[in-house]
Amino acid sequence: MRLLTNDTWREMLSRAIDRAFVRHKCCLAAFVYMPEHVHLLVWPEPDGSEIEDLLKAVKRPYSYRVKQLLIANRSSLLEHLTVRQRPGVMTFRYWQEGPGYDRNLTEPETILASIDYIHMNPVRRGLCPTAIDWRWSSAGFYLNDGKQVDDALPTIHGLPFEILNDKGAPGI
């Protein structure tokens, strides 16, 4: 469902990402929020958590906060997002069931290509003419020499030095 279409919820997701990344000692290299999905390119610190634990720490508190907003506003969307988990058990489900798609990237060329893919998502979908025009991505961070460009976005840490040193910054 196209649930990430309002700025309030997107900002809430940014804060959930920030809290989880600090707690789980992970860094955000790149991201994009699309109306119905999210891409995160993450690198854990040496003593960082497993990606599965990081994602749970983002998803659970965020979906709880969304549910509380829906309840407070008596939104009909609450009913649409409440599904039968098993007979007699109803569950609020904001996120699609399953772990998502993840993979380990080790080659600088692959990492940079993934960042370009992430940034071009809204352009390919026709949501904006260029990657930098989509507010809800890390494209501006890379175009602005690694400076945070918008407080509504999650904290972007960029890439480990060895990747940047080897291949340069991703294209936008």
N, C-alpha and C. Protein backbone atom coordinates (compact mmCIF):
# COMPACT_ATOMS: atom_id res chain seq x y z
N MET A 1 0.83 -1.19 0.00
CA MET A 1 0.00 0.00 0.00
C MET A 1 0.88 1.25 0.00
N ARG A 2 0.37 2.28 -0.56
CA ARG A 2 1.08 3.57 -0.60
C ARG A 2 0.84 4.30 0.72
N LEU A 3 1.65 3.95 1.72
CA LEU A 3 1.47 4.52 3.05
C LEU A 3 2.45 5.64 3.37
N LEU A 4 3.57 5.69 2.66
CA LEU A 4 4.55 6.74 2.93
C LEU A 4 4.35 7.91 1.97
N THR A 5 3.19 8.54 2.11
CA THR A 5 2.87 9.65 1.22
C THR A 5 2.68 10.97 1.95
N ASN A 6 2.81 10.97 3.26
CA ASN A 6 2.68 12.25 3.97
C ASN A 6 3.96 12.53 4.75
N ASP A 7 4.30 13.79 4.80
CA ASP A 7 5.56 14.21 5.41
C ASP A 7 5.65 13.86 6.89
N THR A 8 4.54 13.92 7.60
CA THR A 8 4.56 13.59 9.02
C THR A 8 5.04 12.16 9.24
N TRP A 9 4.49 11.23 8.50
CA TRP A 9 4.89 9.83 8.66
C TRP A 9 6.33 9.62 8.19
N ARG A 10 6.73 10.32 7.14
CA ARG A 10 8.11 10.17 6.66
C ARG A 10 9.10 10.72 7.70
N GLU A 11 8.76 11.84 8.31
CA GLU A 11 9.63 12.38 9.37
C GLU A 11 9.67 11.43 10.57
N MET A 12 8.55 10.84 10.90
CA MET A 12 8.53 9.86 11.99
C MET A 12 9.44 8.67 11.66
N LEU A 13 9.44 8.25 10.41
CA LEU A 13 10.31 7.15 10.00
C LEU A 13 11.77 7.57 10.12
N SER A 14 12.08 8.78 9.75
CA SER A 14 13.45 9.28 9.89
C SER A 14 13.92 9.23 11.33
N ARG A 15 13.07 9.65 12.26
CA ARG A 15 13.46 9.62 13.67
C ARG A 15 13.60 8.18 14.17
N ALA A 16 12.72 7.28 13.71
CA ALA A 16 12.83 5.87 14.10
C ALA A 16 14.14 5.28 13.59
N ILE A 17 14.53 5.64 12.39
CA ILE A 17 15.80 5.17 11.83
C ILE A 17 16.96 5.71 12.67
N ASP A 18 16.93 7.00 12.98
CA ASP A 18 18.01 7.59 13.78
C ASP A 18 18.17 6.87 15.12
N ARG A 19 17.05 6.67 15.83
CA ARG A 19 17.12 6.01 17.15
C ARG A 19 17.67 4.60 17.03
N ALA A 20 17.19 3.85 16.06
CA ALA A 20 17.62 2.46 15.90
C ALA A 20 19.09 2.37 15.49
N PHE A 21 19.53 3.25 14.63
CA PHE A 21 20.91 3.20 14.15
C PHE A 21 21.90 3.53 15.27
N VAL A 22 21.54 4.45 16.15
CA VAL A 22 22.40 4.76 17.29
C VAL A 22 22.45 3.55 18.23
N ARG A 23 21.31 3.03 18.58
CA ARG A 23 21.23 1.92 19.52
C ARG A 23 21.92 0.66 19.00
N HIS A 24 21.84 0.43 17.70
CA HIS A 24 22.38 -0.81 17.12
C HIS A 24 23.74 -0.61 16.44
N LYS A 25 24.30 0.57 16.60
CA LYS A 25 25.64 0.88 16.10
C LYS A 25 25.79 0.55 14.62
N CYS A 26 24.94 1.19 13.84
CA CYS A 26 24.98 1.05 12.39
C CYS A 26 25.00 2.45 11.77
N CYS A 27 25.46 2.52 10.55
CA CYS A 27 25.56 3.78 9.83
C CYS A 27 24.73 3.72 8.55
N LEU A 28 24.11 4.82 8.22
CA LEU A 28 23.29 4.91 7.01
C LEU A 28 24.11 5.53 5.90
N ALA A 29 24.32 4.77 4.84
CA ALA A 29 25.08 5.26 3.69
C ALA A 29 24.17 5.92 2.67
N ALA A 30 22.99 5.36 2.45
CA ALA A 30 22.06 5.92 1.47
C ALA A 30 20.65 5.41 1.77
N PHE A 31 19.65 6.17 1.31
CA PHE A 31 18.26 5.75 1.51
C PHE A 31 17.37 6.44 0.50
N VAL A 32 16.18 5.90 0.35
CA VAL A 32 15.09 6.59 -0.33
C VAL A 32 13.79 6.06 0.25
N TYR A 33 12.84 6.98 0.48
CA TYR A 33 11.48 6.60 0.86
C TYR A 33 10.64 6.71 -0.40
N MET A 34 10.06 5.63 -0.78
CA MET A 34 9.11 5.61 -1.89
C MET A 34 7.71 5.52 -1.28
N PRO A 35 6.66 5.77 -2.05
CA PRO A 35 5.32 5.73 -1.45
C PRO A 35 4.96 4.39 -0.80
N GLU A 36 5.49 3.29 -1.33
CA GLU A 36 5.12 1.98 -0.79
C GLU A 36 6.30 1.09 -0.40
N HIS A 37 7.49 1.63 -0.39
CA HIS A 37 8.64 0.87 0.10
C HIS A 37 9.80 1.80 0.44
N VAL A 38 10.80 1.23 1.09
CA VAL A 38 11.96 1.99 1.55
C VAL A 38 13.21 1.22 1.15
N HIS A 39 14.25 1.94 0.73
CA HIS A 39 15.57 1.35 0.51
C HIS A 39 16.53 1.97 1.53
N LEU A 40 17.28 1.12 2.22
CA LEU A 40 18.32 1.58 3.14
C LEU A 40 19.61 0.85 2.78
N LEU A 41 20.68 1.61 2.64
CA LEU A 41 22.01 1.02 2.47
C LEU A 41 22.75 1.29 3.77
N VAL A 42 23.09 0.21 4.48
CA VAL A 42 23.57 0.26 5.84
C VAL A 42 24.94 -0.37 5.94
N TRP A 43 25.78 0.18 6.81
CA TRP A 43 27.00 -0.53 7.17
C TRP A 43 27.12 -0.51 8.69
N PRO A 44 27.28 -1.70 9.26
CA PRO A 44 27.39 -1.78 10.72
C PRO A 44 28.78 -1.39 11.19
N GLU A 45 28.85 -0.80 12.37
CA GLU A 45 30.14 -0.58 13.01
C GLU A 45 30.67 -1.95 13.43
N PRO A 46 31.96 -2.05 13.77
CA PRO A 46 32.51 -3.37 14.12
C PRO A 46 31.73 -4.11 15.20
N ASP A 47 31.17 -3.40 16.16
CA ASP A 47 30.38 -4.06 17.21
C ASP A 47 28.88 -3.82 17.02
N GLY A 48 28.48 -3.55 15.79
CA GLY A 48 27.07 -3.28 15.48
C GLY A 48 26.23 -4.54 15.46
N SER A 49 24.93 -4.33 15.49
CA SER A 49 23.95 -5.42 15.50
C SER A 49 23.80 -6.06 14.14
N GLU A 50 23.12 -7.17 14.14
CA GLU A 50 22.70 -7.82 12.91
C GLU A 50 21.63 -6.95 12.24
N ILE A 51 21.58 -7.00 10.92
CA ILE A 51 20.61 -6.19 10.16
C ILE A 51 19.18 -6.52 10.58
N GLU A 52 18.90 -7.78 10.82
CA GLU A 52 17.55 -8.19 11.23
C GLU A 52 17.13 -7.45 12.51
N ASP A 53 18.03 -7.35 13.48
CA ASP A 53 17.73 -6.65 14.73
C ASP A 53 17.57 -5.15 14.51
N LEU A 54 18.40 -4.59 13.64
CA LEU A 54 18.29 -3.18 13.30
C LEU A 54 16.92 -2.88 12.69
N LEU A 55 16.52 -3.68 11.72
CA LEU A 55 15.23 -3.45 11.06
C LEU A 55 14.06 -3.57 12.02
N LYS A 56 14.10 -4.54 12.91
CA LYS A 56 13.05 -4.65 13.93
C LYS A 56 12.99 -3.39 14.78
N ALA A 57 14.16 -2.85 15.11
CA ALA A 57 14.22 -1.65 15.95
C ALA A 57 13.71 -0.41 15.23
N VAL A 58 13.69 -0.44 13.91
CA VAL A 58 13.10 0.65 13.13
C VAL A 58 11.60 0.41 12.99
N LYS A 59 11.24 -0.78 12.55
CA LYS A 59 9.86 -1.06 12.16
C LYS A 59 8.87 -1.09 13.32
N ARG A 60 9.21 -1.76 14.40
CA ARG A 60 8.24 -1.93 15.50
C ARG A 60 7.82 -0.60 16.13
N PRO A 61 8.78 0.23 16.58
CA PRO A 61 8.33 1.49 17.20
C PRO A 61 7.63 2.42 16.21
N TYR A 62 8.10 2.42 14.99
CA TYR A 62 7.48 3.28 13.97
C TYR A 62 6.03 2.86 13.73
N SER A 63 5.80 1.57 13.49
CA SER A 63 4.43 1.13 13.22
C SER A 63 3.54 1.33 14.44
N TYR A 64 4.09 1.19 15.64
CA TYR A 64 3.31 1.46 16.85
C TYR A 64 2.85 2.92 16.87
N ARG A 65 3.76 3.84 16.55
CA ARG A 65 3.41 5.26 16.55
C ARG A 65 2.36 5.58 15.48
N VAL A 66 2.49 4.97 14.32
CA VAL A 66 1.49 5.17 13.26
C VAL A 66 0.14 4.66 13.74
N LYS A 67 0.12 3.48 14.34
CA LYS A 67 -1.13 2.92 14.84
C LYS A 67 -1.78 3.86 15.86
N GLN A 68 -0.98 4.42 16.77
CA GLN A 68 -1.52 5.34 17.77
C GLN A 68 -2.13 6.58 17.11
N LEU A 69 -1.49 7.08 16.06
CA LEU A 69 -2.06 8.22 15.32
C LEU A 69 -3.39 7.85 14.66
N LEU A 70 -3.44 6.67 14.07
CA LEU A 70 -4.66 6.22 13.42
C LEU A 70 -5.80 6.07 14.43
N ILE A 71 -5.47 5.52 15.60
CA ILE A 71 -6.48 5.38 16.65
C ILE A 71 -6.96 6.76 17.10
N ALA A 72 -6.03 7.67 17.36
CA ALA A 72 -6.39 9.00 17.83
C ALA A 72 -7.25 9.75 16.83
N ASN A 73 -7.00 9.52 15.54
CA ASN A 73 -7.76 10.21 14.48
C ASN A 73 -8.97 9.41 14.00
N ARG A 74 -9.20 8.27 14.61
CA ARG A 74 -10.31 7.39 14.21
C ARG A 74 -10.30 7.14 12.71
N SER A 75 -9.12 6.86 12.20
CA SER A 75 -8.94 6.67 10.76
C SER A 75 -9.45 5.31 10.31
N SER A 76 -10.11 5.28 9.17
CA SER A 76 -10.56 4.01 8.60
C SER A 76 -9.39 3.17 8.10
N LEU A 77 -8.23 3.80 7.94
CA LEU A 77 -7.04 3.06 7.53
C LEU A 77 -6.64 2.01 8.57
N LEU A 78 -6.97 2.26 9.83
CA LEU A 78 -6.66 1.30 10.89
C LEU A 78 -7.29 -0.06 10.58
N GLU A 79 -8.51 -0.05 10.13
CA GLU A 79 -9.19 -1.30 9.79
C GLU A 79 -8.51 -2.00 8.61
N HIS A 80 -8.05 -1.25 7.63
CA HIS A 80 -7.39 -1.84 6.46
C HIS A 80 -6.04 -2.45 6.81
N LEU A 81 -5.39 -1.92 7.85
CA LEU A 81 -4.07 -2.40 8.23
C LEU A 81 -4.13 -3.44 9.35
N THR A 82 -5.32 -3.79 9.76
CA THR A 82 -5.48 -4.83 10.77
C THR A 82 -5.86 -6.12 10.05
N VAL A 83 -5.01 -7.12 10.20
CA VAL A 83 -5.20 -8.38 9.47
C VAL A 83 -5.33 -9.54 10.45
N ARG A 84 -5.92 -10.61 9.96
CA ARG A 84 -6.03 -11.80 10.79
C ARG A 84 -4.72 -12.57 10.70
N GLN A 85 -4.04 -12.66 11.82
CA GLN A 85 -2.77 -13.37 11.87
C GLN A 85 -3.02 -14.88 11.88
N ARG A 86 -4.01 -15.28 12.64
CA ARG A 86 -4.48 -16.66 12.70
C ARG A 86 -5.89 -16.58 13.27
N PRO A 87 -6.64 -17.66 13.22
CA PRO A 87 -8.01 -17.59 13.72
C PRO A 87 -8.08 -16.98 15.13
N GLY A 88 -8.87 -15.94 15.24
CA GLY A 88 -9.09 -15.30 16.52
C GLY A 88 -8.04 -14.27 16.92
N VAL A 89 -6.99 -14.07 16.09
CA VAL A 89 -5.94 -13.14 16.44
C VAL A 89 -5.79 -12.10 15.33
N MET A 90 -6.14 -10.85 15.67
CA MET A 90 -6.01 -9.75 14.73
C MET A 90 -4.74 -8.97 15.06
N THR A 91 -4.03 -8.52 14.01
CA THR A 91 -2.75 -7.84 14.18
C THR A 91 -2.69 -6.61 13.29
N PHE A 92 -2.19 -5.53 13.83
CA PHE A 92 -1.92 -4.34 13.02
C PHE A 92 -0.66 -4.61 12.22
N ARG A 93 -0.73 -4.43 10.91
CA ARG A 93 0.44 -4.69 10.08
C ARG A 93 0.67 -3.51 9.14
N TYR A 94 1.64 -2.68 9.50
CA TYR A 94 2.03 -1.57 8.64
C TYR A 94 3.01 -2.06 7.58
N TRP A 95 4.00 -2.83 7.99
CA TRP A 95 5.03 -3.32 7.09
C TRP A 95 4.61 -4.63 6.46
N GLN A 96 5.03 -4.84 5.25
CA GLN A 96 4.78 -6.10 4.58
C GLN A 96 5.43 -7.23 5.37
N GLU A 97 4.75 -8.35 5.45
CA GLU A 97 5.28 -9.49 6.18
C GLU A 97 6.55 -10.01 5.52
N GLY A 98 7.47 -10.46 6.34
CA GLY A 98 8.73 -11.01 5.82
C GLY A 98 9.89 -10.10 6.15
N PRO A 99 11.10 -10.61 5.96
CA PRO A 99 12.28 -9.86 6.36
C PRO A 99 12.71 -8.77 5.39
N GLY A 100 12.11 -8.71 4.23
CA GLY A 100 12.59 -7.77 3.22
C GLY A 100 13.69 -8.41 2.41
N TYR A 101 14.35 -7.62 1.62
CA TYR A 101 15.42 -8.13 0.77
C TYR A 101 16.72 -7.49 1.21
N ASP A 102 17.67 -8.31 1.59
CA ASP A 102 18.96 -7.74 1.93
C ASP A 102 20.07 -8.61 1.33
N ARG A 103 21.18 -7.98 1.17
CA ARG A 103 22.37 -8.68 0.66
C ARG A 103 23.59 -7.92 1.11
N ASN A 104 24.71 -8.64 1.18
CA ASN A 104 25.97 -8.02 1.55
C ASN A 104 26.68 -7.51 0.31
N LEU A 105 27.09 -6.28 0.36
CA LEU A 105 27.85 -5.68 -0.74
C LEU A 105 29.27 -5.46 -0.25
N THR A 106 30.24 -5.89 -1.04
CA THR A 106 31.63 -5.77 -0.60
C THR A 106 32.51 -5.00 -1.58
N GLU A 107 32.13 -4.96 -2.83
CA GLU A 107 32.94 -4.28 -3.84
C GLU A 107 32.52 -2.81 -3.97
N PRO A 108 33.48 -1.89 -3.96
CA PRO A 108 33.13 -0.46 -4.09
C PRO A 108 32.25 -0.16 -5.30
N GLU A 109 32.52 -0.79 -6.44
CA GLU A 109 31.70 -0.53 -7.63
C GLU A 109 30.25 -0.93 -7.41
N THR A 110 30.03 -2.05 -6.73
CA THR A 110 28.67 -2.53 -6.45
C THR A 110 27.97 -1.61 -5.47
N ILE A 111 28.68 -1.14 -4.48
CA ILE A 111 28.11 -0.24 -3.48
C ILE A 111 27.70 1.08 -4.13
N LEU A 112 28.57 1.63 -4.95
CA LEU A 112 28.25 2.90 -5.63
C LEU A 112 27.10 2.72 -6.61
N ALA A 113 27.07 1.59 -7.31
CA ALA A 113 25.96 1.32 -8.23
C ALA A 113 24.64 1.19 -7.46
N SER A 114 24.69 0.60 -6.28
CA SER A 114 23.49 0.47 -5.45
C SER A 114 22.98 1.83 -4.99
N ILE A 115 23.90 2.70 -4.62
CA ILE A 115 23.49 4.06 -4.22
C ILE A 115 22.83 4.78 -5.40
N ASP A 116 23.41 4.65 -6.57
CA ASP A 116 22.80 5.27 -7.75
C ASP A 116 21.41 4.68 -8.02
N TYR A 117 21.28 3.37 -7.88
CA TYR A 117 19.99 2.70 -8.07
C TYR A 117 18.97 3.25 -7.07
N ILE A 118 19.37 3.35 -5.81
CA ILE A 118 18.48 3.87 -4.77
C ILE A 118 18.03 5.29 -5.11
N HIS A 119 18.97 6.14 -5.46
CA HIS A 119 18.65 7.54 -5.75
C HIS A 119 17.78 7.71 -7.00
N MET A 120 17.93 6.82 -7.95
CA MET A 120 17.17 6.93 -9.20
C MET A 120 15.76 6.34 -9.11
N ASN A 121 15.44 5.66 -8.02
CA ASN A 121 14.11 5.05 -7.86
C ASN A 121 12.97 6.02 -8.14
N PRO A 122 12.94 7.20 -7.50
CA PRO A 122 11.82 8.12 -7.76
C PRO A 122 11.80 8.66 -9.19
N VAL A 123 12.96 8.77 -9.81
CA VAL A 123 13.03 9.25 -11.20
C VAL A 123 12.43 8.19 -12.12
N ARG A 124 12.85 6.94 -11.94
CA ARG A 124 12.32 5.85 -12.78
C ARG A 124 10.81 5.73 -12.64
N ARG A 125 10.27 6.04 -11.46
CA ARG A 125 8.84 5.95 -11.22
C ARG A 125 8.09 7.19 -11.69
N GLY A 126 8.81 8.22 -12.14
CA GLY A 126 8.16 9.43 -12.61
C GLY A 126 7.70 10.35 -11.50
N LEU A 127 8.25 10.20 -10.29
CA LEU A 127 7.87 11.05 -9.17
C LEU A 127 8.59 12.39 -9.19
N CYS A 128 9.69 12.47 -9.93
CA CYS A 128 10.46 13.70 -10.03
C CYS A 128 11.36 13.61 -11.27
N PRO A 129 11.81 14.75 -11.79
CA PRO A 129 12.64 14.72 -13.01
C PRO A 129 14.08 14.28 -12.76
N THR A 130 14.65 14.62 -11.60
CA THR A 130 16.02 14.22 -11.28
C THR A 130 16.06 13.73 -9.83
N ALA A 131 17.07 12.94 -9.51
CA ALA A 131 17.18 12.37 -8.16
C ALA A 131 17.22 13.45 -7.09
N ILE A 132 17.88 14.53 -7.36
CA ILE A 132 18.02 15.60 -6.37
C ILE A 132 16.69 16.29 -6.08
N ASP A 133 15.71 16.15 -6.97
CA ASP A 133 14.40 16.75 -6.77
C ASP A 133 13.53 16.00 -5.77
N TRP A 134 13.91 14.76 -5.43
CA TRP A 134 13.12 13.97 -4.48
C TRP A 134 13.66 14.24 -3.08
N ARG A 135 12.87 14.91 -2.29
CA ARG A 135 13.31 15.30 -0.95
C ARG A 135 13.68 14.11 -0.08
N TRP A 136 12.99 13.00 -0.23
CA TRP A 136 13.07 11.88 0.70
C TRP A 136 14.11 10.86 0.28
N SER A 137 15.32 11.34 0.04
CA SER A 137 16.43 10.44 -0.27
C SER A 137 17.74 11.10 0.18
N SER A 138 18.80 10.34 0.08
CA SER A 138 20.12 10.84 0.45
C SER A 138 20.85 11.49 -0.72
N ALA A 139 20.19 11.65 -1.86
CA ALA A 139 20.85 12.23 -3.03
C ALA A 139 21.44 13.60 -2.72
N GLY A 140 20.70 14.44 -2.01
CA GLY A 140 21.18 15.78 -1.67
C GLY A 140 22.43 15.76 -0.81
N PHE A 141 22.53 14.79 0.05
CA PHE A 141 23.71 14.63 0.90
C PHE A 141 24.96 14.48 0.05
N TYR A 142 24.88 13.64 -0.98
CA TYR A 142 26.05 13.40 -1.83
C TYR A 142 26.32 14.58 -2.76
N LEU A 143 25.27 15.26 -3.18
CA LEU A 143 25.45 16.43 -4.04
C LEU A 143 26.00 17.62 -3.25
N ASN A 144 25.75 17.63 -1.95
CA ASN A 144 26.16 18.74 -1.08
C ASN A 144 27.42 18.39 -0.29
N ASP A 145 28.30 17.63 -0.88
CA ASP A 145 29.60 17.29 -0.28
C ASP A 145 29.49 16.65 1.10
N GLY A 146 28.50 15.78 1.27
CA GLY A 146 28.39 15.05 2.52
C GLY A 146 27.85 15.85 3.69
N LYS A 147 27.07 16.86 3.41
CA LYS A 147 26.46 17.66 4.47
C LYS A 147 24.97 17.34 4.53
N GLN A 148 24.47 17.23 5.75
CA GLN A 148 23.05 16.98 5.96
C GLN A 148 22.27 18.17 5.41
N VAL A 149 21.31 17.92 4.54
CA VAL A 149 20.62 19.02 3.86
C VAL A 149 19.21 19.30 4.38
N ASP A 150 18.66 18.39 5.20
CA ASP A 150 17.27 18.53 5.60
C ASP A 150 17.09 17.81 6.94
N ASP A 151 16.65 18.54 7.95
CA ASP A 151 16.46 17.95 9.28
C ASP A 151 15.36 16.90 9.32
N ALA A 152 14.48 16.88 8.33
CA ALA A 152 13.42 15.88 8.30
C ALA A 152 13.94 14.50 7.87
N LEU A 153 15.15 14.46 7.35
CA LEU A 153 15.73 13.20 6.86
C LEU A 153 16.49 12.52 7.98
N PRO A 154 16.67 11.20 7.86
CA PRO A 154 17.51 10.52 8.85
C PRO A 154 18.96 10.98 8.72
N THR A 155 19.73 10.78 9.76
CA THR A 155 21.14 11.15 9.73
C THR A 155 21.87 10.23 8.76
N ILE A 156 22.54 10.85 7.80
CA ILE A 156 23.28 10.10 6.79
C ILE A 156 24.75 10.16 7.16
N HIS A 157 25.37 9.02 7.23
CA HIS A 157 26.77 8.94 7.63
C HIS A 157 27.70 8.87 6.44
N GLY A 158 27.15 8.63 5.27
CA GLY A 158 27.98 8.49 4.08
C GLY A 158 28.62 7.12 4.02
N LEU A 159 29.68 7.03 3.27
CA LEU A 159 30.37 5.77 3.06
C LEU A 159 31.66 5.70 3.87
N PRO A 160 32.08 4.50 4.20
CA PRO A 160 33.39 4.38 4.85
C PRO A 160 34.47 5.00 3.95
N PHE A 161 35.44 5.61 4.55
CA PHE A 161 36.48 6.33 3.83
C PHE A 161 37.13 5.48 2.74
N GLU A 162 37.38 4.22 3.03
CA GLU A 162 38.09 3.39 2.05
C GLU A 162 37.32 3.23 0.74
N ILE A 163 36.00 3.28 0.80
CA ILE A 163 35.21 3.18 -0.43
C ILE A 163 35.27 4.50 -1.20
N LEU A 164 35.09 5.60 -0.48
CA LEU A 164 35.18 6.91 -1.14
C LEU A 164 36.58 7.15 -1.70
N ASN A 165 37.57 6.79 -0.95
CA ASN A 165 38.95 7.01 -1.36
C ASN A 165 39.27 6.22 -2.62
N ASP A 166 38.67 5.04 -2.73
CA ASP A 166 38.97 4.16 -3.85
C ASP A 166 38.25 4.58 -5.13
N LYS A 167 36.98 4.99 -5.03
CA LYS A 167 36.17 5.18 -6.24
C LYS A 167 35.53 6.54 -6.37
N GLY A 168 35.62 7.39 -5.38
CA GLY A 168 34.96 8.68 -5.47
C GLY A 168 33.52 8.59 -5.00
N ALA A 169 32.82 9.69 -5.10
CA ALA A 169 31.43 9.75 -4.63
C ALA A 169 30.49 9.17 -5.68
N PRO A 170 29.32 8.71 -5.24
CA PRO A 170 28.34 8.22 -6.20
C PRO A 170 27.84 9.35 -7.08
N GLY A 171 27.36 8.99 -8.26
CA GLY A 171 26.77 9.98 -9.15
C GLY A 171 25.34 10.28 -8.73
N ILE A 172 24.85 11.40 -9.16
CA ILE A 172 23.45 11.77 -8.84
C ILE A 172 22.73 11.95 -10.16
